[in-house]
């Protein structure tokens, strides 16, 4: 996906990431990541894991994620 800096009030939506969509040749990211290579219209079943690396520089800072 890449890396980027976010402000405290910023929310990231995978489905609205135009830069990522261009990298995926116009395919919507939420479809491209989960599509069956044999049948792109079908999502692959299974357990998915999202990993995020977060660097905080202030002692009082915190980060939280939500799906």
PDB file of N, CA and C in Angstrom:
ATOM      1  N   UNK A   1       0.814  -1.183   0.000  1.00  0.00           N
ATOM      2  CA  UNK A   1       0.000   0.000   0.000  1.00  0.00           C
ATOM      3  C   UNK A   1       0.862   1.253   0.000  1.00  0.00           C
ATOM      4  N   UNK A   2       1.933   1.240   0.726  1.00  0.00           N
ATOM      5  CA  UNK A   2       2.773   2.420   0.795  1.00  0.00           C
ATOM      6  C   UNK A   2       2.806   2.975   2.201  1.00  0.00           C
ATOM      7  N   UNK A   3       3.395   4.135   2.326  1.00  0.00           N
ATOM      8  CA  UNK A   3       3.463   4.769   3.633  1.00  0.00           C
ATOM      9  C   UNK A   3       3.078   6.230   3.494  1.00  0.00           C
ATOM     10  N   UNK A   4       2.590   6.780   4.579  1.00  0.00           N
ATOM     11  CA  UNK A   4       2.189   8.174   4.590  1.00  0.00           C
ATOM     12  C   UNK A   4       2.045   8.633   6.025  1.00  0.00           C
ATOM     13  N   UNK A   5       2.074   9.933   6.219  1.00  0.00           N
ATOM     14  CA  UNK A   5       1.884  10.520   7.541  1.00  0.00           C
ATOM     15  C   UNK A   5       0.442  10.980   7.669  1.00  0.00           C
ATOM     16  N   UNK A   6      -0.085  10.869   8.875  1.00  0.00           N
ATOM     17  CA  UNK A   6      -1.477  11.265   9.110  1.00  0.00           C
ATOM     18  C   UNK A   6      -1.551  12.225  10.284  1.00  0.00           C
ATOM     19  N   UNK A   7      -2.444  13.182  10.184  1.00  0.00           N
ATOM     20  CA  UNK A   7      -2.721  14.076  11.303  1.00  0.00           C
ATOM     21  C   UNK A   7      -3.621  13.350  12.296  1.00  0.00           C
ATOM     22  N   UNK A   8      -3.674  13.831  13.503  1.00  0.00           N
ATOM     23  CA  UNK A   8      -4.475  13.189  14.551  1.00  0.00           C
ATOM     24  C   UNK A   8      -5.945  13.078  14.168  1.00  0.00           C
ATOM     25  N   UNK A   9      -6.433  14.008  13.393  1.00  0.00           N
ATOM     26  CA  UNK A   9      -7.855  14.011  13.041  1.00  0.00           C
ATOM     27  C   UNK A   9      -8.145  13.296  11.722  1.00  0.00           C
ATOM     28  N   UNK A  10      -7.136  12.695  11.106  1.00  0.00           N
ATOM     29  CA  UNK A  10      -7.278  12.078   9.791  1.00  0.00           C
ATOM     30  C   UNK A  10      -7.806  10.655   9.895  1.00  0.00           C
ATOM     31  N   UNK A  11      -8.668  10.279   8.961  1.00  0.00           N
ATOM     32  CA  UNK A  11      -9.167   8.910   8.847  1.00  0.00           C
ATOM     33  C   UNK A  11      -8.802   8.403   7.459  1.00  0.00           C
ATOM     34  N   UNK A  12      -8.297   7.177   7.384  1.00  0.00           N
ATOM     35  CA  UNK A  12      -7.903   6.590   6.104  1.00  0.00           C
ATOM     36  C   UNK A  12      -8.950   5.581   5.665  1.00  0.00           C
ATOM     37  N   UNK A  13      -9.447   5.739   4.438  1.00  0.00           N
ATOM     38  CA  UNK A  13     -10.399   4.801   3.850  1.00  0.00           C
ATOM     39  C   UNK A  13      -9.743   4.154   2.640  1.00  0.00           C
ATOM     40  N   UNK A  14      -9.523   2.865   2.721  1.00  0.00           N
ATOM     41  CA  UNK A  14      -8.919   2.114   1.625  1.00  0.00           C
ATOM     42  C   UNK A  14      -9.688   2.332   0.328  1.00  0.00           C
ATOM     43  N   UNK A  15     -11.002   2.340   0.413  1.00  0.00           N
ATOM     44  CA  UNK A  15     -11.846   2.461  -0.779  1.00  0.00           C
ATOM     45  C   UNK A  15     -11.744   3.834  -1.450  1.00  0.00           C
ATOM     46  N   UNK A  16     -11.177   4.824  -0.755  1.00  0.00           N
ATOM     47  CA  UNK A  16     -11.075   6.169  -1.316  1.00  0.00           C
ATOM     48  C   UNK A  16      -9.635   6.564  -1.645  1.00  0.00           C
ATOM     49  N   UNK A  17      -8.741   5.598  -1.661  1.00  0.00           N
ATOM     50  CA  UNK A  17      -7.332   5.868  -1.929  1.00  0.00           C
ATOM     51  C   UNK A  17      -7.090   5.851  -3.439  1.00  0.00           C
ATOM     52  N   UNK A  18      -7.146   7.019  -4.061  1.00  0.00           N
ATOM     53  CA  UNK A  18      -6.985   7.133  -5.516  1.00  0.00           C
ATOM     54  C   UNK A  18      -5.592   6.712  -5.975  1.00  0.00           C
ATOM     55  N   UNK A  19      -4.578   7.042  -5.199  1.00  0.00           N
ATOM     56  CA  UNK A  19      -3.203   6.676  -5.566  1.00  0.00           C
ATOM     57  C   UNK A  19      -3.050   5.154  -5.599  1.00  0.00           C
ATOM     58  N   UNK A  20      -3.600   4.483  -4.604  1.00  0.00           N
ATOM     59  CA  UNK A  20      -3.545   3.023  -4.573  1.00  0.00           C
ATOM     60  C   UNK A  20      -4.337   2.426  -5.731  1.00  0.00           C
ATOM     61  N   UNK A  21      -5.477   3.008  -6.045  1.00  0.00           N
ATOM     62  CA  UNK A  21      -6.287   2.511  -7.161  1.00  0.00           C
ATOM     63  C   UNK A  21      -5.523   2.626  -8.483  1.00  0.00           C
ATOM     64  N   UNK A  22      -4.773   3.697  -8.664  1.00  0.00           N
ATOM     65  CA  UNK A  22      -3.951   3.834  -9.874  1.00  0.00           C
ATOM     66  C   UNK A  22      -2.880   2.745  -9.922  1.00  0.00           C
ATOM     67  N   UNK A  23      -2.279   2.422  -8.771  1.00  0.00           N
ATOM     68  CA  UNK A  23      -1.271   1.351  -8.720  1.00  0.00           C
ATOM     69  C   UNK A  23      -1.880   0.000  -9.070  1.00  0.00           C
ATOM     70  N   UNK A  24      -3.168  -0.146  -8.830  1.00  0.00           N
ATOM     71  CA  UNK A  24      -3.874  -1.402  -9.109  1.00  0.00           C
ATOM     72  C   UNK A  24      -4.558  -1.366 -10.472  1.00  0.00           C
ATOM     73  N   UNK A  25      -4.059  -0.521 -11.372  1.00  0.00           N
ATOM     74  CA  UNK A  25      -4.592  -0.395 -12.737  1.00  0.00           C
ATOM     75  C   UNK A  25      -6.083  -0.097 -12.764  1.00  0.00           C
ATOM     76  N   UNK A  26      -6.534   0.759 -11.850  1.00  0.00           N
ATOM     77  CA  UNK A  26      -7.920   1.199 -11.848  1.00  0.00           C
ATOM     78  C   UNK A  26      -8.873   0.322 -11.055  1.00  0.00           C
ATOM     79  N   UNK A  27      -8.406  -0.819 -10.581  1.00  0.00           N
ATOM     80  CA  UNK A  27      -9.265  -1.719  -9.795  1.00  0.00           C
ATOM     81  C   UNK A  27      -9.471  -1.134  -8.398  1.00  0.00           C
ATOM     82  N   UNK A  28     -10.677  -1.243  -7.881  1.00  0.00           N
ATOM     83  CA  UNK A  28     -10.948  -0.754  -6.532  1.00  0.00           C
ATOM     84  C   UNK A  28     -10.158  -1.595  -5.528  1.00  0.00           C
ATOM     85  N   UNK A  29      -9.424  -0.960  -4.606  1.00  0.00           N
ATOM     86  CA  UNK A  29      -8.571  -1.700  -3.676  1.00  0.00           C
ATOM     87  C   UNK A  29      -9.315  -2.763  -2.875  1.00  0.00           C
ATOM     88  N   UNK A  30     -10.492  -2.461  -2.392  1.00  0.00           N
ATOM     89  CA  UNK A  30     -11.224  -3.431  -1.570  1.00  0.00           C
ATOM     90  C   UNK A  30     -11.629  -4.667  -2.363  1.00  0.00           C
ATOM     91  N   UNK A  31     -11.699  -4.552  -3.677  1.00  0.00           N
ATOM     92  CA  UNK A  31     -11.969  -5.723  -4.524  1.00  0.00           C
ATOM     93  C   UNK A  31     -10.673  -6.429  -4.889  1.00  0.00           C
ATOM     94  N   UNK A  32      -9.653  -5.659  -5.263  1.00  0.00           N
ATOM     95  CA  UNK A  32      -8.390  -6.240  -5.730  1.00  0.00           C
ATOM     96  C   UNK A  32      -7.704  -7.077  -4.655  1.00  0.00           C
ATOM     97  N   UNK A  33      -7.744  -6.639  -3.420  1.00  0.00           N
ATOM     98  CA  UNK A  33      -7.042  -7.353  -2.354  1.00  0.00           C
ATOM     99  C   UNK A  33      -7.675  -8.693  -2.018  1.00  0.00           C
ATOM    100  N   UNK A  34      -8.966  -8.831  -2.211  1.00  0.00           N
ATOM    101  CA  UNK A  34      -9.665 -10.034  -1.765  1.00  0.00           C
ATOM    102  C   UNK A  34     -10.205 -10.891  -2.904  1.00  0.00           C
ATOM    103  N   UNK A  35      -9.964 -10.495  -4.143  1.00  0.00           N
ATOM    104  CA  UNK A  35     -10.525 -11.206  -5.294  1.00  0.00           C
ATOM    105  C   UNK A  35      -9.818 -12.533  -5.552  1.00  0.00           C
ATOM    106  N   UNK A  36     -10.590 -13.506  -5.984  1.00  0.00           N
ATOM    107  CA  UNK A  36     -10.062 -14.801  -6.411  1.00  0.00           C
ATOM    108  C   UNK A  36      -9.388 -14.590  -7.768  1.00  0.00           C
ATOM    109  N   UNK A  37      -8.108 -14.926  -7.917  1.00  0.00           N
ATOM    110  CA  UNK A  37      -7.424 -14.726  -9.199  1.00  0.00           C
ATOM    111  C   UNK A  37      -8.098 -15.459 -10.359  1.00  0.00           C
ATOM    112  N   UNK A  38      -8.753 -16.573 -10.069  1.00  0.00           N
ATOM    113  CA  UNK A  38      -9.445 -17.341 -11.105  1.00  0.00           C
ATOM    114  C   UNK A  38     -10.776 -16.707 -11.498  1.00  0.00           C
ATOM    115  N   UNK A  39     -11.396 -15.992 -10.566  1.00  0.00           N
ATOM    116  CA  UNK A  39     -12.690 -15.350 -10.808  1.00  0.00           C
ATOM    117  C   UNK A  39     -12.735 -14.048 -10.012  1.00  0.00           C
ATOM    118  N   UNK A  40     -12.256 -12.946 -10.601  1.00  0.00           N
ATOM    119  CA  UNK A  40     -12.141 -11.678  -9.880  1.00  0.00           C
ATOM    120  C   UNK A  40     -13.448 -11.135  -9.293  1.00  0.00           C
ATOM    121  N   UNK A  41     -14.578 -11.644  -9.730  1.00  0.00           N
ATOM    122  CA  UNK A  41     -15.855 -11.179  -9.184  1.00  0.00           C
ATOM    123  C   UNK A  41     -16.201 -11.858  -7.861  1.00  0.00           C
ATOM    124  N   UNK A  42     -15.398 -12.853  -7.473  1.00  0.00           N
ATOM    125  CA  UNK A  42     -15.660 -13.613  -6.247  1.00  0.00           C
ATOM    126  C   UNK A  42     -14.549 -13.333  -5.239  1.00  0.00           C
ATOM    127  N   UNK A  43     -14.930 -13.046  -4.002  1.00  0.00           N
ATOM    128  CA  UNK A  43     -13.941 -12.833  -2.943  1.00  0.00           C
ATOM    129  C   UNK A  43     -13.462 -14.176  -2.403  1.00  0.00           C
ATOM    130  N   UNK A  44     -12.167 -14.258  -2.134  1.00  0.00           N
ATOM    131  CA  UNK A  44     -11.608 -15.473  -1.548  1.00  0.00           C
ATOM    132  C   UNK A  44     -12.027 -15.568  -0.086  1.00  0.00           C
ATOM    133  N   UNK A  45     -12.522 -16.721   0.303  1.00  0.00           N
ATOM    134  CA  UNK A  45     -12.907 -16.934   1.695  1.00  0.00           C
ATOM    135  C   UNK A  45     -11.656 -17.180   2.514  1.00  0.00           C
ATOM    136  N   UNK A  46     -11.711 -16.816   3.770  1.00  0.00           N
ATOM    137  CA  UNK A  46     -10.581 -17.060   4.652  1.00  0.00           C
ATOM    138  C   UNK A  46     -10.500 -16.021   5.744  1.00  0.00           C
ATOM    139  N   UNK A  47      -9.451 -16.112   6.504  1.00  0.00           N
ATOM    140  CA  UNK A  47      -9.199 -15.157   7.576  1.00  0.00           C
ATOM    141  C   UNK A  47      -8.163 -14.159   7.075  1.00  0.00           C
ATOM    142  N   UNK A  48      -8.473 -12.896   7.201  1.00  0.00           N
ATOM    143  CA  UNK A  48      -7.569 -11.834   6.766  1.00  0.00           C
ATOM    144  C   UNK A  48      -7.038 -11.102   7.988  1.00  0.00           C
ATOM    145  N   UNK A  49      -5.811 -10.616   7.880  1.00  0.00           N
ATOM    146  CA  UNK A  49      -5.177  -9.917   8.986  1.00  0.00           C
ATOM    147  C   UNK A  49      -4.634  -8.588   8.480  1.00  0.00           C
ATOM    148  N   UNK A  50      -4.951  -7.525   9.184  1.00  0.00           N
ATOM    149  CA  UNK A  50      -4.440  -6.197   8.854  1.00  0.00           C
ATOM    150  C   UNK A  50      -3.339  -5.859   9.847  1.00  0.00           C
ATOM    151  N   UNK A  51      -2.180  -5.505   9.336  1.00  0.00           N
ATOM    152  CA  UNK A  51      -1.066  -5.120  10.192  1.00  0.00           C
ATOM    153  C   UNK A  51      -0.729  -3.663   9.918  1.00  0.00           C
ATOM    154  N   UNK A  52      -0.554  -2.904  10.972  1.00  0.00           N
ATOM    155  CA  UNK A  52      -0.188  -1.492  10.845  1.00  0.00           C
ATOM    156  C   UNK A  52       1.020  -1.220  11.726  1.00  0.00           C
ATOM    157  N   UNK A  53       2.007  -0.561  11.174  1.00  0.00           N
ATOM    158  CA  UNK A  53       3.164  -0.129  11.960  1.00  0.00           C
ATOM    159  C   UNK A  53       2.965   1.346  12.271  1.00  0.00           C
ATOM    160  N   UNK A  54       3.062   1.677  13.532  1.00  0.00           N
ATOM    161  CA  UNK A  54       2.818   3.052  13.972  1.00  0.00           C
ATOM    162  C   UNK A  54       4.016   3.523  14.786  1.00  0.00           C
ATOM    163  N   UNK A  55       4.545   4.673  14.443  1.00  0.00           N
ATOM    164  CA  UNK A  55       5.630   5.272  15.202  1.00  0.00           C
ATOM    165  C   UNK A  55       5.095   6.535  15.862  1.00  0.00           C
ATOM    166  N   UNK A  56       5.208   6.598  17.160  1.00  0.00           N
ATOM    167  CA  UNK A  56       4.786   7.765  17.926  1.00  0.00           C
ATOM    168  C   UNK A  56       6.021   8.392  18.552  1.00  0.00           C
ATOM    169  N   UNK A  57       6.091   9.698  18.538  1.00  0.00           N
ATOM    170  CA  UNK A  57       7.300  10.370  18.986  1.00  0.00           C
ATOM    171  C   UNK A  57       7.125  11.120  20.296  1.00  0.00           C
ATOM    172  N   UNK A  58       5.915  11.278  20.747  1.00  0.00           N
ATOM    173  CA  UNK A  58       5.670  11.976  22.003  1.00  0.00           C
ATOM    174  C   UNK A  58       5.236  10.964  23.051  1.00  0.00           C
ATOM    175  N   UNK A  59       5.730  11.107  24.263  1.00  0.00           N
ATOM    176  CA  UNK A  59       5.456  10.146  25.320  1.00  0.00           C
ATOM    177  C   UNK A  59       3.960   9.982  25.587  1.00  0.00           C
ATOM    178  N   UNK A  60       3.194  11.034  25.465  1.00  0.00           N
ATOM    179  CA  UNK A  60       1.758  10.989  25.758  1.00  0.00           C
ATOM    180  C   UNK A  60       0.918  10.568  24.548  1.00  0.00           C
ATOM    181  N   UNK A  61       1.538  10.402  23.398  1.00  0.00           N
ATOM    182  CA  UNK A  61       0.798  10.091  22.168  1.00  0.00           C
ATOM    183  C   UNK A  61       0.260   8.661  22.203  1.00  0.00           C
ATOM    184  N   UNK A  62      -0.841   8.446  21.478  1.00  0.00           N
ATOM    185  CA  UNK A  62      -1.383   7.099  21.338  1.00  0.00           C
ATOM    186  C   UNK A  62      -1.982   6.945  19.946  1.00  0.00           C
ATOM    187  N   UNK A  63      -2.255   5.714  19.578  1.00  0.00           N
ATOM    188  CA  UNK A  63      -2.858   5.427  18.277  1.00  0.00           C
ATOM    189  C   UNK A  63      -3.872   4.318  18.466  1.00  0.00           C
ATOM    190  N   UNK A  64      -4.916   4.344  17.667  1.00  0.00           N
ATOM    191  CA  UNK A  64      -5.903   3.270  17.713  1.00  0.00           C
ATOM    192  C   UNK A  64      -6.402   2.996  16.309  1.00  0.00           C
ATOM    193  N   UNK A  65      -6.789   1.777  16.072  1.00  0.00           N
ATOM    194  CA  UNK A  65      -7.303   1.383  14.766  1.00  0.00           C
ATOM    195  C   UNK A  65      -8.681   0.779  14.911  1.00  0.00           C
ATOM    196  N   UNK A  66      -9.421   0.828  13.841  1.00  0.00           N
ATOM    197  CA  UNK A  66     -10.791   0.319  13.851  1.00  0.00           C
ATOM    198  C   UNK A  66     -11.120  -0.200  12.461  1.00  0.00           C
ATOM    199  N   UNK A  67     -11.791  -1.324  12.402  1.00  0.00           N
ATOM    200  CA  UNK A  67     -12.233  -1.872  11.121  1.00  0.00           C
ATOM    201  C   UNK A  67     -13.719  -1.712  10.990  1.00  0.00           C
TER     202      UNK A  67
END
